[in-house]
Amino acid sequence: MHTSLLEAAAMPPLDLILYVGFPYAVIVLFVAMTLKRYITDKYSFSSFSSQFLENRHHFWGSVPWHIGILALVVGHGVAFLIPKGVLLWNAIPIRLWILELSGLIFAIVALTGLFNLIFRRITDAKVRVVTSKMDWVILSLLLVQVLTGIYVALFDRWGSSWFASVISHYLQSLFL
């Protein structure tokens, strides 16, 4: 479902900027700045990990975070790639509940891991010393993203169908 030039011309200018121009600008900036940073400052790409400073608490944050977020990314990827399949699956209420509940469970697992990672950065002096302001920005953004996803899962029971019927087509129009 690609936006034709006629459809784009009929869009209000702000919508055109926000939903057509802005995503492409972000993609171009991401690629350009990543290449610039790699070419001009190769050593700023660091593999330094706070895992070396303390491992036990890191495990109980990192493992749930990665399990939860990986399952959520796969689920959203399926809805992006085969939205009709997701809508057909959701046509039977029990399957909709299974899909929504499994997504909620994985989101709670990811949230638990993220809370553990944040708690570790606050309470462990060695980890706190190597935590940058940008680490806090990224952790805050991830926390907001997971919490808003949980909100949709709890209060908008149609979230998976909405993603498959609206957002996946919009994203496909940007990338395919």
N, C-alpha and C. Protein backbone atom coordinates (compact mmCIF):
# COMPACT_ATOMS: atom_id res chain seq x y z
N MET A 1 0.85 -1.18 0.00
CA MET A 1 0.00 0.00 0.00
C MET A 1 0.89 1.23 0.00
N HIS A 2 1.43 1.56 -1.15
CA HIS A 2 2.32 2.70 -1.28
C HIS A 2 1.52 3.97 -1.49
N THR A 3 2.03 5.05 -0.95
CA THR A 3 1.38 6.35 -1.14
C THR A 3 1.73 6.85 -2.53
N SER A 4 0.71 7.06 -3.34
CA SER A 4 0.96 7.58 -4.68
C SER A 4 1.22 9.08 -4.60
N LEU A 5 1.73 9.62 -5.68
CA LEU A 5 2.00 11.06 -5.70
C LEU A 5 0.72 11.87 -5.55
N LEU A 6 -0.38 11.37 -6.15
CA LEU A 6 -1.65 12.08 -6.01
C LEU A 6 -2.15 12.05 -4.58
N GLU A 7 -2.02 10.88 -3.92
CA GLU A 7 -2.43 10.79 -2.52
C GLU A 7 -1.56 11.69 -1.65
N ALA A 8 -0.26 11.70 -1.92
CA ALA A 8 0.66 12.54 -1.14
C ALA A 8 0.34 14.02 -1.34
N ALA A 9 -0.01 14.40 -2.56
CA ALA A 9 -0.34 15.80 -2.83
C ALA A 9 -1.60 16.23 -2.11
N ALA A 10 -2.51 15.29 -1.84
CA ALA A 10 -3.76 15.60 -1.17
C ALA A 10 -3.60 15.66 0.35
N MET A 11 -2.46 15.21 0.87
CA MET A 11 -2.24 15.20 2.32
C MET A 11 -2.00 16.62 2.81
N PRO A 12 -2.45 16.92 4.03
CA PRO A 12 -2.09 18.22 4.62
C PRO A 12 -0.56 18.32 4.74
N PRO A 13 -0.02 19.51 4.58
CA PRO A 13 1.45 19.67 4.59
C PRO A 13 2.13 19.11 5.84
N LEU A 14 1.54 19.30 7.01
CA LEU A 14 2.16 18.78 8.24
C LEU A 14 2.20 17.26 8.22
N ASP A 15 1.12 16.62 7.77
CA ASP A 15 1.11 15.16 7.66
C ASP A 15 2.17 14.68 6.67
N LEU A 16 2.29 15.38 5.58
CA LEU A 16 3.29 15.03 4.57
C LEU A 16 4.70 15.10 5.16
N ILE A 17 4.96 16.14 5.93
CA ILE A 17 6.28 16.28 6.55
C ILE A 17 6.50 15.19 7.59
N LEU A 18 5.52 14.98 8.49
CA LEU A 18 5.69 14.03 9.59
C LEU A 18 5.73 12.58 9.15
N TYR A 19 4.86 12.20 8.20
CA TYR A 19 4.70 10.78 7.88
C TYR A 19 5.38 10.36 6.59
N VAL A 20 5.83 11.30 5.78
CA VAL A 20 6.53 10.95 4.55
C VAL A 20 7.98 11.46 4.61
N GLY A 21 8.17 12.73 4.82
CA GLY A 21 9.51 13.30 4.80
C GLY A 21 10.37 12.94 5.99
N PHE A 22 9.82 13.06 7.18
CA PHE A 22 10.59 12.85 8.41
C PHE A 22 11.19 11.45 8.51
N PRO A 23 10.43 10.37 8.24
CA PRO A 23 11.05 9.04 8.34
C PRO A 23 12.25 8.86 7.41
N TYR A 24 12.14 9.37 6.19
CA TYR A 24 13.28 9.25 5.27
C TYR A 24 14.45 10.10 5.73
N ALA A 25 14.18 11.27 6.27
CA ALA A 25 15.25 12.13 6.79
C ALA A 25 15.98 11.43 7.93
N VAL A 26 15.24 10.77 8.80
CA VAL A 26 15.84 10.05 9.92
C VAL A 26 16.72 8.91 9.42
N ILE A 27 16.24 8.17 8.43
CA ILE A 27 17.02 7.06 7.88
C ILE A 27 18.31 7.57 7.25
N VAL A 28 18.21 8.63 6.46
CA VAL A 28 19.40 9.20 5.81
C VAL A 28 20.39 9.72 6.86
N LEU A 29 19.90 10.42 7.87
CA LEU A 29 20.78 10.91 8.94
C LEU A 29 21.44 9.77 9.69
N PHE A 30 20.67 8.73 9.99
CA PHE A 30 21.23 7.58 10.71
C PHE A 30 22.38 6.96 9.93
N VAL A 31 22.16 6.68 8.65
CA VAL A 31 23.20 6.06 7.83
C VAL A 31 24.39 7.01 7.68
N ALA A 32 24.14 8.27 7.36
CA ALA A 32 25.22 9.24 7.13
C ALA A 32 26.05 9.45 8.39
N MET A 33 25.41 9.63 9.53
CA MET A 33 26.16 9.90 10.76
C MET A 33 26.89 8.65 11.26
N THR A 34 26.31 7.48 11.05
CA THR A 34 27.00 6.25 11.42
C THR A 34 28.27 6.09 10.59
N LEU A 35 28.16 6.31 9.28
CA LEU A 35 29.35 6.23 8.42
C LEU A 35 30.37 7.30 8.79
N LYS A 36 29.91 8.53 9.02
CA LYS A 36 30.82 9.62 9.39
C LYS A 36 31.57 9.28 10.68
N ARG A 37 30.84 8.79 11.65
CA ARG A 37 31.46 8.46 12.93
C ARG A 37 32.46 7.32 12.76
N TYR A 38 32.11 6.34 11.97
CA TYR A 38 33.01 5.21 11.77
C TYR A 38 34.27 5.64 11.02
N ILE A 39 34.11 6.51 10.03
CA ILE A 39 35.26 6.94 9.23
C ILE A 39 36.15 7.91 10.01
N THR A 40 35.56 8.86 10.73
CA THR A 40 36.36 9.90 11.40
C THR A 40 36.78 9.54 12.81
N ASP A 41 36.05 8.67 13.49
CA ASP A 41 36.36 8.37 14.89
C ASP A 41 36.09 6.89 15.16
N LYS A 42 36.87 6.02 14.50
CA LYS A 42 36.63 4.58 14.58
C LYS A 42 36.61 4.05 16.00
N TYR A 43 37.41 4.62 16.85
CA TYR A 43 37.56 4.06 18.19
C TYR A 43 36.48 4.50 19.15
N SER A 44 35.52 5.29 18.67
CA SER A 44 34.39 5.64 19.54
C SER A 44 33.35 4.52 19.55
N PHE A 45 33.49 3.57 18.61
CA PHE A 45 32.65 2.37 18.65
C PHE A 45 33.32 1.43 19.64
N SER A 46 32.79 1.37 20.83
CA SER A 46 33.45 0.64 21.90
C SER A 46 32.73 -0.66 22.20
N SER A 47 33.51 -1.66 22.54
CA SER A 47 32.92 -2.91 23.00
C SER A 47 33.01 -3.00 24.52
N PHE A 48 33.32 -1.88 25.17
CA PHE A 48 33.41 -1.86 26.62
C PHE A 48 32.08 -2.26 27.22
N SER A 49 32.11 -3.17 28.14
CA SER A 49 30.88 -3.66 28.74
C SER A 49 30.99 -3.59 30.25
N SER A 50 29.91 -3.18 30.88
CA SER A 50 29.89 -3.15 32.34
C SER A 50 29.77 -4.55 32.91
N GLN A 51 29.60 -5.54 32.03
CA GLN A 51 29.51 -6.93 32.48
C GLN A 51 30.80 -7.35 33.18
N PHE A 52 31.92 -6.78 32.77
CA PHE A 52 33.20 -7.15 33.38
C PHE A 52 33.31 -6.65 34.81
N LEU A 53 32.50 -5.67 35.18
CA LEU A 53 32.59 -5.09 36.51
C LEU A 53 31.83 -5.90 37.55
N GLU A 54 30.80 -6.55 37.15
CA GLU A 54 29.98 -7.35 38.08
C GLU A 54 29.05 -8.19 37.22
N ASN A 55 29.01 -9.50 37.45
CA ASN A 55 28.32 -10.37 36.52
C ASN A 55 26.98 -10.89 37.00
N ARG A 56 26.81 -11.13 38.30
CA ARG A 56 25.59 -11.78 38.79
C ARG A 56 24.36 -10.93 38.56
N HIS A 57 24.37 -9.67 38.98
CA HIS A 57 23.21 -8.80 38.77
C HIS A 57 23.02 -8.49 37.28
N HIS A 58 24.13 -8.40 36.58
CA HIS A 58 24.05 -8.16 35.14
C HIS A 58 23.29 -9.30 34.46
N PHE A 59 23.55 -10.53 34.87
CA PHE A 59 22.85 -11.69 34.30
C PHE A 59 21.35 -11.57 34.49
N TRP A 60 20.90 -11.22 35.70
CA TRP A 60 19.46 -11.15 35.99
C TRP A 60 18.79 -9.94 35.37
N GLY A 61 19.56 -9.04 34.82
CA GLY A 61 18.98 -7.96 34.05
C GLY A 61 19.07 -8.22 32.56
N SER A 62 20.24 -8.67 32.13
CA SER A 62 20.49 -8.83 30.70
C SER A 62 19.70 -9.98 30.08
N VAL A 63 19.64 -11.11 30.74
CA VAL A 63 18.95 -12.28 30.17
C VAL A 63 17.45 -12.03 30.01
N PRO A 64 16.73 -11.59 31.06
CA PRO A 64 15.30 -11.31 30.84
C PRO A 64 15.07 -10.20 29.82
N TRP A 65 15.89 -9.16 29.84
CA TRP A 65 15.74 -8.08 28.86
C TRP A 65 15.86 -8.63 27.43
N HIS A 66 16.91 -9.41 27.17
CA HIS A 66 17.13 -9.91 25.82
C HIS A 66 16.07 -10.94 25.40
N ILE A 67 15.66 -11.80 26.30
CA ILE A 67 14.60 -12.77 25.95
C ILE A 67 13.31 -12.02 25.62
N GLY A 68 12.92 -11.08 26.48
CA GLY A 68 11.68 -10.35 26.26
C GLY A 68 11.72 -9.50 25.01
N ILE A 69 12.79 -8.76 24.81
CA ILE A 69 12.84 -7.84 23.68
C ILE A 69 12.98 -8.60 22.37
N LEU A 70 13.71 -9.72 22.38
CA LEU A 70 13.85 -10.52 21.16
C LEU A 70 12.49 -11.08 20.74
N ALA A 71 11.72 -11.61 21.69
CA ALA A 71 10.39 -12.13 21.37
C ALA A 71 9.48 -11.02 20.84
N LEU A 72 9.57 -9.84 21.42
CA LEU A 72 8.74 -8.72 20.97
C LEU A 72 9.14 -8.24 19.57
N VAL A 73 10.42 -8.19 19.31
CA VAL A 73 10.88 -7.78 17.97
C VAL A 73 10.44 -8.81 16.93
N VAL A 74 10.54 -10.09 17.25
CA VAL A 74 10.09 -11.13 16.32
C VAL A 74 8.58 -11.00 16.09
N GLY A 75 7.82 -10.81 17.16
CA GLY A 75 6.37 -10.66 17.02
C GLY A 75 5.99 -9.47 16.16
N HIS A 76 6.63 -8.34 16.40
CA HIS A 76 6.34 -7.16 15.58
C HIS A 76 6.82 -7.37 14.14
N GLY A 77 7.93 -8.08 13.99
CA GLY A 77 8.42 -8.39 12.64
C GLY A 77 7.45 -9.25 11.85
N VAL A 78 6.85 -10.23 12.53
CA VAL A 78 5.84 -11.08 11.87
C VAL A 78 4.66 -10.23 11.44
N ALA A 79 4.18 -9.35 12.32
CA ALA A 79 3.05 -8.48 11.96
C ALA A 79 3.41 -7.54 10.83
N PHE A 80 4.68 -7.14 10.75
CA PHE A 80 5.14 -6.27 9.67
C PHE A 80 5.20 -7.03 8.35
N LEU A 81 5.71 -8.27 8.39
CA LEU A 81 5.91 -9.03 7.16
C LEU A 81 4.65 -9.71 6.64
N ILE A 82 3.82 -10.22 7.55
CA ILE A 82 2.59 -10.91 7.10
C ILE A 82 1.37 -10.40 7.88
N PRO A 83 0.99 -9.14 7.66
CA PRO A 83 -0.12 -8.58 8.41
C PRO A 83 -1.45 -9.31 8.18
N LYS A 84 -1.68 -9.81 6.96
CA LYS A 84 -2.93 -10.53 6.70
C LYS A 84 -3.00 -11.80 7.53
N GLY A 85 -1.87 -12.47 7.69
CA GLY A 85 -1.82 -13.68 8.52
C GLY A 85 -2.16 -13.37 9.97
N VAL A 86 -1.65 -12.27 10.47
CA VAL A 86 -1.94 -11.87 11.85
C VAL A 86 -3.42 -11.53 12.00
N LEU A 87 -3.98 -10.82 11.03
CA LEU A 87 -5.41 -10.48 11.09
C LEU A 87 -6.28 -11.72 11.02
N LEU A 88 -5.90 -12.69 10.18
CA LEU A 88 -6.65 -13.96 10.12
C LEU A 88 -6.53 -14.71 11.45
N TRP A 89 -5.34 -14.72 12.03
CA TRP A 89 -5.13 -15.36 13.33
C TRP A 89 -6.01 -14.70 14.39
N ASN A 90 -6.06 -13.38 14.38
CA ASN A 90 -6.82 -12.63 15.39
C ASN A 90 -8.33 -12.71 15.19
N ALA A 91 -8.78 -13.24 14.07
CA ALA A 91 -10.23 -13.33 13.82
C ALA A 91 -10.92 -14.27 14.80
N ILE A 92 -10.17 -15.19 15.39
CA ILE A 92 -10.73 -16.10 16.40
C ILE A 92 -10.31 -15.55 17.77
N PRO A 93 -11.30 -15.17 18.60
CA PRO A 93 -10.99 -14.46 19.86
C PRO A 93 -9.96 -15.15 20.76
N ILE A 94 -10.02 -16.47 20.90
CA ILE A 94 -9.08 -17.14 21.81
C ILE A 94 -7.64 -16.98 21.30
N ARG A 95 -7.48 -16.99 19.98
CA ARG A 95 -6.13 -16.82 19.43
C ARG A 95 -5.66 -15.37 19.60
N LEU A 96 -6.58 -14.42 19.49
CA LEU A 96 -6.24 -13.02 19.76
C LEU A 96 -5.76 -12.89 21.20
N TRP A 97 -6.47 -13.51 22.14
CA TRP A 97 -6.08 -13.45 23.55
C TRP A 97 -4.71 -14.10 23.77
N ILE A 98 -4.47 -15.22 23.11
CA ILE A 98 -3.17 -15.90 23.24
C ILE A 98 -2.05 -14.99 22.74
N LEU A 99 -2.27 -14.38 21.58
CA LEU A 99 -1.26 -13.49 21.01
C LEU A 99 -1.02 -12.28 21.91
N GLU A 100 -2.09 -11.63 22.33
CA GLU A 100 -1.96 -10.44 23.17
C GLU A 100 -1.33 -10.78 24.52
N LEU A 101 -1.75 -11.90 25.12
CA LEU A 101 -1.21 -12.28 26.43
C LEU A 101 0.26 -12.67 26.33
N SER A 102 0.63 -13.39 25.28
CA SER A 102 2.05 -13.75 25.14
C SER A 102 2.90 -12.50 24.93
N GLY A 103 2.40 -11.55 24.15
CA GLY A 103 3.13 -10.29 23.98
C GLY A 103 3.27 -9.54 25.29
N LEU A 104 2.19 -9.52 26.08
CA LEU A 104 2.24 -8.85 27.38
C LEU A 104 3.24 -9.53 28.32
N ILE A 105 3.25 -10.85 28.32
CA ILE A 105 4.19 -11.59 29.17
C ILE A 105 5.63 -11.27 28.78
N PHE A 106 5.92 -11.29 27.49
CA PHE A 106 7.29 -10.98 27.06
C PHE A 106 7.65 -9.52 27.35
N ALA A 107 6.68 -8.62 27.27
CA ALA A 107 6.94 -7.22 27.61
C ALA A 107 7.25 -7.08 29.10
N ILE A 108 6.54 -7.82 29.94
CA ILE A 108 6.81 -7.77 31.38
C ILE A 108 8.18 -8.38 31.69
N VAL A 109 8.55 -9.45 30.97
CA VAL A 109 9.89 -10.03 31.14
C VAL A 109 10.95 -9.00 30.75
N ALA A 110 10.75 -8.32 29.62
CA ALA A 110 11.70 -7.28 29.19
C ALA A 110 11.76 -6.15 30.21
N LEU A 111 10.61 -5.74 30.71
CA LEU A 111 10.56 -4.66 31.71
C LEU A 111 11.29 -5.06 32.99
N THR A 112 11.10 -6.29 33.42
CA THR A 112 11.79 -6.79 34.61
C THR A 112 13.31 -6.74 34.41
N GLY A 113 13.77 -7.19 33.26
CA GLY A 113 15.20 -7.13 32.96
C GLY A 113 15.71 -5.71 32.92
N LEU A 114 14.93 -4.83 32.30
CA LEU A 114 15.34 -3.42 32.20
C LEU A 114 15.40 -2.78 33.59
N PHE A 115 14.41 -3.06 34.43
CA PHE A 115 14.45 -2.54 35.81
C PHE A 115 15.69 -3.05 36.54
N ASN A 116 16.03 -4.33 36.36
CA ASN A 116 17.22 -4.88 37.00
C ASN A 116 18.49 -4.19 36.50
N LEU A 117 18.56 -3.93 35.21
CA LEU A 117 19.74 -3.25 34.66
C LEU A 117 19.84 -1.81 35.18
N ILE A 118 18.71 -1.12 35.27
CA ILE A 118 18.71 0.25 35.81
C ILE A 118 19.08 0.24 37.29
N PHE A 119 18.48 -0.68 38.05
CA PHE A 119 18.77 -0.80 39.48
C PHE A 119 20.26 -1.07 39.70
N ARG A 120 20.83 -1.93 38.87
CA ARG A 120 22.26 -2.25 38.97
C ARG A 120 23.11 -1.01 38.72
N ARG A 121 22.74 -0.20 37.74
CA ARG A 121 23.50 1.01 37.44
C ARG A 121 23.40 2.03 38.57
N ILE A 122 22.28 2.02 39.29
CA ILE A 122 22.10 2.95 40.41
C ILE A 122 22.85 2.48 41.65
N THR A 123 22.80 1.18 41.93
CA THR A 123 23.30 0.68 43.21
C THR A 123 24.75 0.23 43.21
N ASP A 124 25.30 -0.15 42.08
CA ASP A 124 26.67 -0.65 42.03
C ASP A 124 27.62 0.51 41.71
N ALA A 125 28.50 0.83 42.66
CA ALA A 125 29.39 1.99 42.51
C ALA A 125 30.31 1.85 41.30
N LYS A 126 30.83 0.65 41.04
CA LYS A 126 31.73 0.45 39.90
C LYS A 126 31.01 0.70 38.58
N VAL A 127 29.79 0.24 38.50
CA VAL A 127 29.02 0.41 37.26
C VAL A 127 28.58 1.86 37.12
N ARG A 128 28.20 2.48 38.23
CA ARG A 128 27.75 3.87 38.20
C ARG A 128 28.85 4.80 37.67
N VAL A 129 30.10 4.51 38.02
CA VAL A 129 31.22 5.35 37.58
C VAL A 129 31.37 5.35 36.06
N VAL A 130 31.12 4.21 35.42
CA VAL A 130 31.31 4.12 33.96
C VAL A 130 30.03 4.38 33.18
N THR A 131 28.94 4.75 33.88
CA THR A 131 27.67 5.04 33.22
C THR A 131 27.66 6.48 32.76
N SER A 132 27.47 6.67 31.46
CA SER A 132 27.46 8.03 30.90
C SER A 132 26.04 8.59 30.91
N LYS A 133 25.94 9.89 30.64
CA LYS A 133 24.62 10.52 30.53
C LYS A 133 23.82 9.90 29.39
N MET A 134 24.50 9.56 28.31
CA MET A 134 23.81 8.95 27.18
C MET A 134 23.27 7.57 27.54
N ASP A 135 23.95 6.83 28.42
CA ASP A 135 23.41 5.56 28.90
C ASP A 135 22.06 5.78 29.57
N TRP A 136 21.97 6.84 30.39
CA TRP A 136 20.70 7.14 31.06
C TRP A 136 19.62 7.56 30.07
N VAL A 137 20.02 8.30 29.06
CA VAL A 137 19.04 8.71 28.03
C VAL A 137 18.49 7.47 27.32
N ILE A 138 19.38 6.58 26.91
CA ILE A 138 18.95 5.37 26.19
C ILE A 138 18.10 4.49 27.10
N LEU A 139 18.52 4.29 28.34
CA LEU A 139 17.73 3.47 29.26
C LEU A 139 16.36 4.09 29.50
N SER A 140 16.30 5.41 29.61
CA SER A 140 15.01 6.09 29.80
C SER A 140 14.10 5.91 28.58
N LEU A 141 14.67 6.06 27.39
CA LEU A 141 13.87 5.87 26.17
C LEU A 141 13.36 4.43 26.06
N LEU A 142 14.21 3.47 26.39
CA LEU A 142 13.78 2.06 26.36
C LEU A 142 12.67 1.82 27.38
N LEU A 143 12.80 2.41 28.56
CA LEU A 143 11.78 2.26 29.59
C LEU A 143 10.45 2.84 29.13
N VAL A 144 10.48 4.03 28.57
CA VAL A 144 9.24 4.64 28.06
C VAL A 144 8.63 3.78 26.97
N GLN A 145 9.45 3.25 26.07
CA GLN A 145 8.94 2.43 24.97
C GLN A 145 8.28 1.16 25.48
N VAL A 146 8.92 0.48 26.42
CA VAL A 146 8.34 -0.75 26.96
C VAL A 146 7.07 -0.45 27.74
N LEU A 147 7.09 0.62 28.53
CA LEU A 147 5.89 0.97 29.31
C LEU A 147 4.72 1.36 28.42
N THR A 148 4.97 2.08 27.33
CA THR A 148 3.86 2.43 26.43
C THR A 148 3.35 1.19 25.71
N GLY A 149 4.22 0.25 25.39
CA GLY A 149 3.78 -1.01 24.80
C GLY A 149 2.91 -1.80 25.76
N ILE A 150 3.29 -1.83 27.03
CA ILE A 150 2.48 -2.52 28.04
C ILE A 150 1.14 -1.82 28.21
N TYR A 151 1.15 -0.50 28.17
CA TYR A 151 -0.10 0.25 28.26
C TYR A 151 -1.05 -0.15 27.13
N VAL A 152 -0.54 -0.19 25.91
CA VAL A 152 -1.38 -0.59 24.77
C VAL A 152 -1.89 -2.01 24.96
N ALA A 153 -1.02 -2.91 25.43
CA ALA A 153 -1.43 -4.30 25.63
C ALA A 153 -2.52 -4.42 26.69
N LEU A 154 -2.47 -3.58 27.72
CA LEU A 154 -3.45 -3.67 28.80
C LEU A 154 -4.76 -2.95 28.50
N PHE A 155 -4.67 -1.80 27.84
CA PHE A 155 -5.86 -0.96 27.71
C PHE A 155 -6.43 -0.86 26.30
N ASP A 156 -5.69 -1.33 25.31
CA ASP A 156 -6.19 -1.35 23.93
C ASP A 156 -6.14 -2.79 23.44
N ARG A 157 -7.18 -3.54 23.72
CA ARG A 157 -7.19 -4.97 23.44
C ARG A 157 -7.02 -5.30 21.97
N TRP A 158 -7.12 -4.35 21.13
CA TRP A 158 -7.02 -4.57 19.69
C TRP A 158 -5.64 -4.21 19.16
N GLY A 159 -4.66 -4.05 20.03
CA GLY A 159 -3.34 -3.55 19.63
C GLY A 159 -2.68 -4.34 18.52
N SER A 160 -2.74 -5.67 18.58
CA SER A 160 -2.08 -6.47 17.54
C SER A 160 -2.79 -6.34 16.20
N SER A 161 -4.10 -6.25 16.21
CA SER A 161 -4.83 -6.08 14.95
C SER A 161 -4.59 -4.68 14.38
N TRP A 162 -4.51 -3.69 15.26
CA TRP A 162 -4.24 -2.33 14.81
C TRP A 162 -2.87 -2.25 14.14
N PHE A 163 -1.86 -2.86 14.78
CA PHE A 163 -0.51 -2.84 14.20
C PHE A 163 -0.52 -3.51 12.83
N ALA A 164 -1.18 -4.68 12.73
CA ALA A 164 -1.19 -5.43 11.47
C ALA A 164 -1.97 -4.72 10.38
N SER A 165 -3.03 -4.01 10.75
CA SER A 165 -3.87 -3.39 9.72
C SER A 165 -3.47 -1.96 9.37
N VAL A 166 -2.81 -1.26 10.28
CA VAL A 166 -2.48 0.15 10.02
C VAL A 166 -0.97 0.37 9.94
N ILE A 167 -0.28 0.10 11.02
CA ILE A 167 1.14 0.44 11.10
C ILE A 167 1.99 -0.38 10.13
N SER A 168 1.69 -1.67 9.98
CA SER A 168 2.52 -2.48 9.08
C SER A 168 2.43 -1.98 7.65
N HIS A 169 1.26 -1.55 7.22
CA HIS A 169 1.12 -1.02 5.85
C HIS A 169 1.88 0.31 5.71
N TYR A 170 1.82 1.13 6.74
CA TYR A 170 2.56 2.40 6.70
C TYR A 170 4.07 2.12 6.62
N LEU A 171 4.56 1.20 7.46
CA LEU A 171 5.99 0.88 7.45
C LEU A 171 6.40 0.24 6.12
N GLN A 172 5.54 -0.62 5.59
CA GLN A 172 5.85 -1.22 4.29
C GLN A 172 5.92 -0.16 3.20
N SER A 173 5.08 0.86 3.29
CA SER A 173 5.12 1.93 2.28
C SER A 173 6.43 2.72 2.37
N LEU A 174 7.06 2.72 3.54
CA LEU A 174 8.34 3.41 3.69
C LEU A 174 9.51 2.57 3.19
N PHE A 175 9.47 1.26 3.46
CA PHE A 175 10.63 0.42 3.22
C PHE A 175 10.57 -0.45 1.98
N LEU A 176 9.39 -0.78 1.51
CA LEU A 176 9.29 -1.72 0.38
C LEU A 176 8.88 -1.05 -0.89
